[in-house]
Amino acid sequence: MKKAFSDHHVLADLLMDLQMAMQDCGVWECGTPSNEALQSTEPFCIDTMRFEQWLRFVMIERFKTLLASGSDLPVRCHISPMAEEAFKHKPSANVAHLVNCLNRIDQHLSGAL
């Protein structure tokens, strides 16, 4: 039981780091997607919203729900390459930090951290 709590605590910290990185990169203040957009079945809701919207309103919110309920966390995650592509037009220092935050989440959930 202690291990699960520890994993949840680490993820909560990583999500806070991600929020700050998104703010630094200028992609946190994005428009709230419509309910229809949130119903997308495509990976990353790519057909209905921008990647930063998906990060903030889908991925982060789902993780928060898992953390709040104490549910099992995913055992595999590979988000950082998508962020590299989605944010390649942003200043490289900010993008590098944001991608690093996502890479740490990927590694944590995949058991490599």
C-alpha atoms as a PDB file:
ATOM      1  CA  MET A   1       0.000   0.000   0.000  1.00  0.00           C
ATOM      2  CA  LYS A   2       2.841   2.407   0.770  1.00  0.00           C
ATOM      3  CA  LYS A   3       4.210   1.915  -2.756  1.00  0.00           C
ATOM      4  CA  ALA A   4       0.887   2.951  -4.358  1.00  0.00           C
ATOM      5  CA  PHE A   5       0.699   6.067  -2.202  1.00  0.00           C
ATOM      6  CA  SER A   6       4.273   6.906  -3.105  1.00  0.00           C
ATOM      7  CA  ASP A   7       3.598   6.495  -6.846  1.00  0.00           C
ATOM      8  CA  HIS A   8       0.518   8.702  -6.553  1.00  0.00           C
ATOM      9  CA  HIS A   9       2.434  11.342  -4.621  1.00  0.00           C
ATOM     10  CA  VAL A  10       5.221  11.397  -7.215  1.00  0.00           C
ATOM     11  CA  LEU A  11       2.700  11.764 -10.047  1.00  0.00           C
ATOM     12  CA  ALA A  12       0.979  14.641  -8.240  1.00  0.00           C
ATOM     13  CA  ASP A  13       4.325  16.442  -7.994  1.00  0.00           C
ATOM     14  CA  LEU A  14       5.083  15.747 -11.660  1.00  0.00           C
ATOM     15  CA  LEU A  15       1.689  17.156 -12.680  1.00  0.00           C
ATOM     16  CA  MET A  16       2.414  20.369 -10.765  1.00  0.00           C
ATOM     17  CA  ASP A  17       5.765  20.627 -12.579  1.00  0.00           C
ATOM     18  CA  LEU A  18       3.954  20.096 -15.887  1.00  0.00           C
ATOM     19  CA  GLN A  19       1.448  22.847 -15.118  1.00  0.00           C
ATOM     20  CA  MET A  20       4.247  25.287 -14.357  1.00  0.00           C
ATOM     21  CA  ALA A  21       6.103  24.276 -17.540  1.00  0.00           C
ATOM     22  CA  MET A  22       2.938  24.786 -19.588  1.00  0.00           C
ATOM     23  CA  GLN A  23       2.513  28.225 -18.023  1.00  0.00           C
ATOM     24  CA  ASP A  24       6.147  29.095 -18.800  1.00  0.00           C
ATOM     25  CA  CYS A  25       5.656  27.925 -22.384  1.00  0.00           C
ATOM     26  CA  GLY A  26       2.503  30.014 -22.786  1.00  0.00           C
ATOM     27  CA  VAL A  27       0.196  27.067 -23.470  1.00  0.00           C
ATOM     28  CA  TRP A  28      -1.654  26.777 -20.133  1.00  0.00           C
ATOM     29  CA  GLU A  29      -4.168  29.551 -20.845  1.00  0.00           C
ATOM     30  CA  CYS A  30      -5.918  27.774 -23.686  1.00  0.00           C
ATOM     31  CA  GLY A  31      -9.634  27.821 -24.382  1.00  0.00           C
ATOM     32  CA  THR A  32     -11.839  25.240 -22.693  1.00  0.00           C
ATOM     33  CA  PRO A  33     -12.904  22.659 -25.276  1.00  0.00           C
ATOM     34  CA  SER A  34     -16.586  22.008 -25.870  1.00  0.00           C
ATOM     35  CA  ASN A  35     -18.268  18.904 -24.478  1.00  0.00           C
ATOM     36  CA  GLU A  36     -18.404  17.587 -28.037  1.00  0.00           C
ATOM     37  CA  ALA A  37     -14.653  18.067 -28.418  1.00  0.00           C
ATOM     38  CA  LEU A  38     -14.056  16.140 -25.203  1.00  0.00           C
ATOM     39  CA  GLN A  39     -16.016  13.180 -26.620  1.00  0.00           C
ATOM     40  CA  SER A  40     -13.446  12.574 -29.371  1.00  0.00           C
ATOM     41  CA  THR A  41     -12.296   8.993 -29.783  1.00  0.00           C
ATOM     42  CA  GLU A  42      -9.131   9.950 -31.672  1.00  0.00           C
ATOM     43  CA  PRO A  43      -5.737   9.751 -29.909  1.00  0.00           C
ATOM     44  CA  PHE A  44      -5.008  13.043 -28.108  1.00  0.00           C
ATOM     45  CA  CYS A  45      -8.431  14.259 -29.377  1.00  0.00           C
ATOM     46  CA  ILE A  46      -6.413  15.429 -32.376  1.00  0.00           C
ATOM     47  CA  ASP A  47      -9.557  15.907 -34.454  1.00  0.00           C
ATOM     48  CA  THR A  48     -11.272  18.258 -31.999  1.00  0.00           C
ATOM     49  CA  MET A  49      -8.679  20.185 -29.974  1.00  0.00           C
ATOM     50  CA  ARG A  50      -5.137  21.453 -29.837  1.00  0.00           C
ATOM     51  CA  PHE A  51      -2.543  19.349 -27.995  1.00  0.00           C
ATOM     52  CA  GLU A  52      -2.247  21.852 -25.135  1.00  0.00           C
ATOM     53  CA  GLN A  53      -6.016  21.635 -24.625  1.00  0.00           C
ATOM     54  CA  TRP A  54      -5.769  17.839 -24.505  1.00  0.00           C
ATOM     55  CA  LEU A  55      -2.925  18.015 -21.975  1.00  0.00           C
ATOM     56  CA  ARG A  56      -4.742  20.410 -19.686  1.00  0.00           C
ATOM     57  CA  PHE A  57      -8.362  19.321 -19.965  1.00  0.00           C
ATOM     58  CA  VAL A  58      -8.045  15.593 -20.695  1.00  0.00           C
ATOM     59  CA  MET A  59      -4.736  14.095 -19.557  1.00  0.00           C
ATOM     60  CA  ILE A  60      -4.153  16.198 -16.448  1.00  0.00           C
ATOM     61  CA  GLU A  61      -7.824  15.978 -15.416  1.00  0.00           C
ATOM     62  CA  ARG A  62      -7.865  12.187 -15.838  1.00  0.00           C
ATOM     63  CA  PHE A  63      -4.716  11.870 -13.760  1.00  0.00           C
ATOM     64  CA  LYS A  64      -6.205  14.126 -11.071  1.00  0.00           C
ATOM     65  CA  THR A  65      -9.285  11.889 -10.951  1.00  0.00           C
ATOM     66  CA  LEU A  66      -7.107   8.786 -10.575  1.00  0.00           C
ATOM     67  CA  LEU A  67      -5.099  10.468  -7.837  1.00  0.00           C
ATOM     68  CA  ALA A  68      -8.175  11.662  -5.949  1.00  0.00           C
ATOM     69  CA  SER A  69      -9.775   8.212  -6.019  1.00  0.00           C
ATOM     70  CA  GLY A  70      -6.556   6.316  -5.297  1.00  0.00           C
ATOM     71  CA  SER A  71      -7.129   4.272  -8.448  1.00  0.00           C
ATOM     72  CA  ASP A  72      -4.395   2.328 -10.180  1.00  0.00           C
ATOM     73  CA  LEU A  73      -2.203   4.447 -12.402  1.00  0.00           C
ATOM     74  CA  PRO A  74      -1.466   3.556 -16.029  1.00  0.00           C
ATOM     75  CA  VAL A  75       1.542   1.271 -16.404  1.00  0.00           C
ATOM     76  CA  ARG A  76       2.688   2.780 -19.672  1.00  0.00           C
ATOM     77  CA  CYS A  77       2.861   6.317 -21.001  1.00  0.00           C
ATOM     78  CA  HIS A  78       4.615   7.890 -23.988  1.00  0.00           C
ATOM     79  CA  ILE A  79       3.451  11.496 -24.350  1.00  0.00           C
ATOM     80  CA  SER A  80       6.708  13.459 -24.691  1.00  0.00           C
ATOM     81  CA  PRO A  81       7.286  12.776 -28.440  1.00  0.00           C
ATOM     82  CA  MET A  82       3.846  14.207 -29.233  1.00  0.00           C
ATOM     83  CA  ALA A  83       4.706  17.337 -27.233  1.00  0.00           C
ATOM     84  CA  GLU A  84       7.965  17.780 -29.158  1.00  0.00           C
ATOM     85  CA  GLU A  85       6.006  17.795 -32.395  1.00  0.00           C
ATOM     86  CA  ALA A  86       3.079  19.891 -31.158  1.00  0.00           C
ATOM     87  CA  PHE A  87       5.259  22.606 -29.618  1.00  0.00           C
ATOM     88  CA  LYS A  88       8.097  22.785 -32.139  1.00  0.00           C
ATOM     89  CA  HIS A  89       7.042  26.360 -33.022  1.00  0.00           C
ATOM     90  CA  LYS A  90       7.571  27.574 -29.430  1.00  0.00           C
ATOM     91  CA  PRO A  91      10.896  28.883 -28.035  1.00  0.00           C
ATOM     92  CA  SER A  92      13.180  25.879 -27.621  1.00  0.00           C
ATOM     93  CA  ALA A  93      14.162  26.461 -23.967  1.00  0.00           C
ATOM     94  CA  ASN A  94      10.537  26.504 -22.825  1.00  0.00           C
ATOM     95  CA  VAL A  95       9.626  23.522 -24.985  1.00  0.00           C
ATOM     96  CA  ALA A  96      12.615  21.550 -23.712  1.00  0.00           C
ATOM     97  CA  HIS A  97      11.467  22.055 -20.120  1.00  0.00           C
ATOM     98  CA  LEU A  98       7.870  21.104 -20.959  1.00  0.00           C
ATOM     99  CA  VAL A  99       8.973  17.999 -22.871  1.00  0.00           C
ATOM    100  CA  ASN A 100      11.278  17.073 -19.982  1.00  0.00           C
ATOM    101  CA  CYS A 101       8.326  17.249 -17.573  1.00  0.00           C
ATOM    102  CA  LEU A 102       6.292  14.968 -19.826  1.00  0.00           C
ATOM    103  CA  ASN A 103       9.263  12.639 -20.240  1.00  0.00           C
ATOM    104  CA  ARG A 104       9.510  12.328 -16.446  1.00  0.00           C
ATOM    105  CA  ILE A 105       5.786  11.457 -16.317  1.00  0.00           C
ATOM    106  CA  ASP A 106       6.338   8.894 -19.092  1.00  0.00           C
ATOM    107  CA  GLN A 107       9.239   7.345 -17.194  1.00  0.00           C
ATOM    108  CA  HIS A 108       7.412   7.342 -13.871  1.00  0.00           C
ATOM    109  CA  LEU A 109       4.314   5.621 -15.249  1.00  0.00           C
ATOM    110  CA  SER A 110       6.359   3.196 -17.333  1.00  0.00           C
ATOM    111  CA  GLY A 111       8.442   2.178 -14.309  1.00  0.00           C
ATOM    112  CA  ALA A 112      11.692   3.700 -15.535  1.00  0.00           C
ATOM    113  CA  LEU A 113      11.938   6.452 -12.909  1.00  0.00           C
END
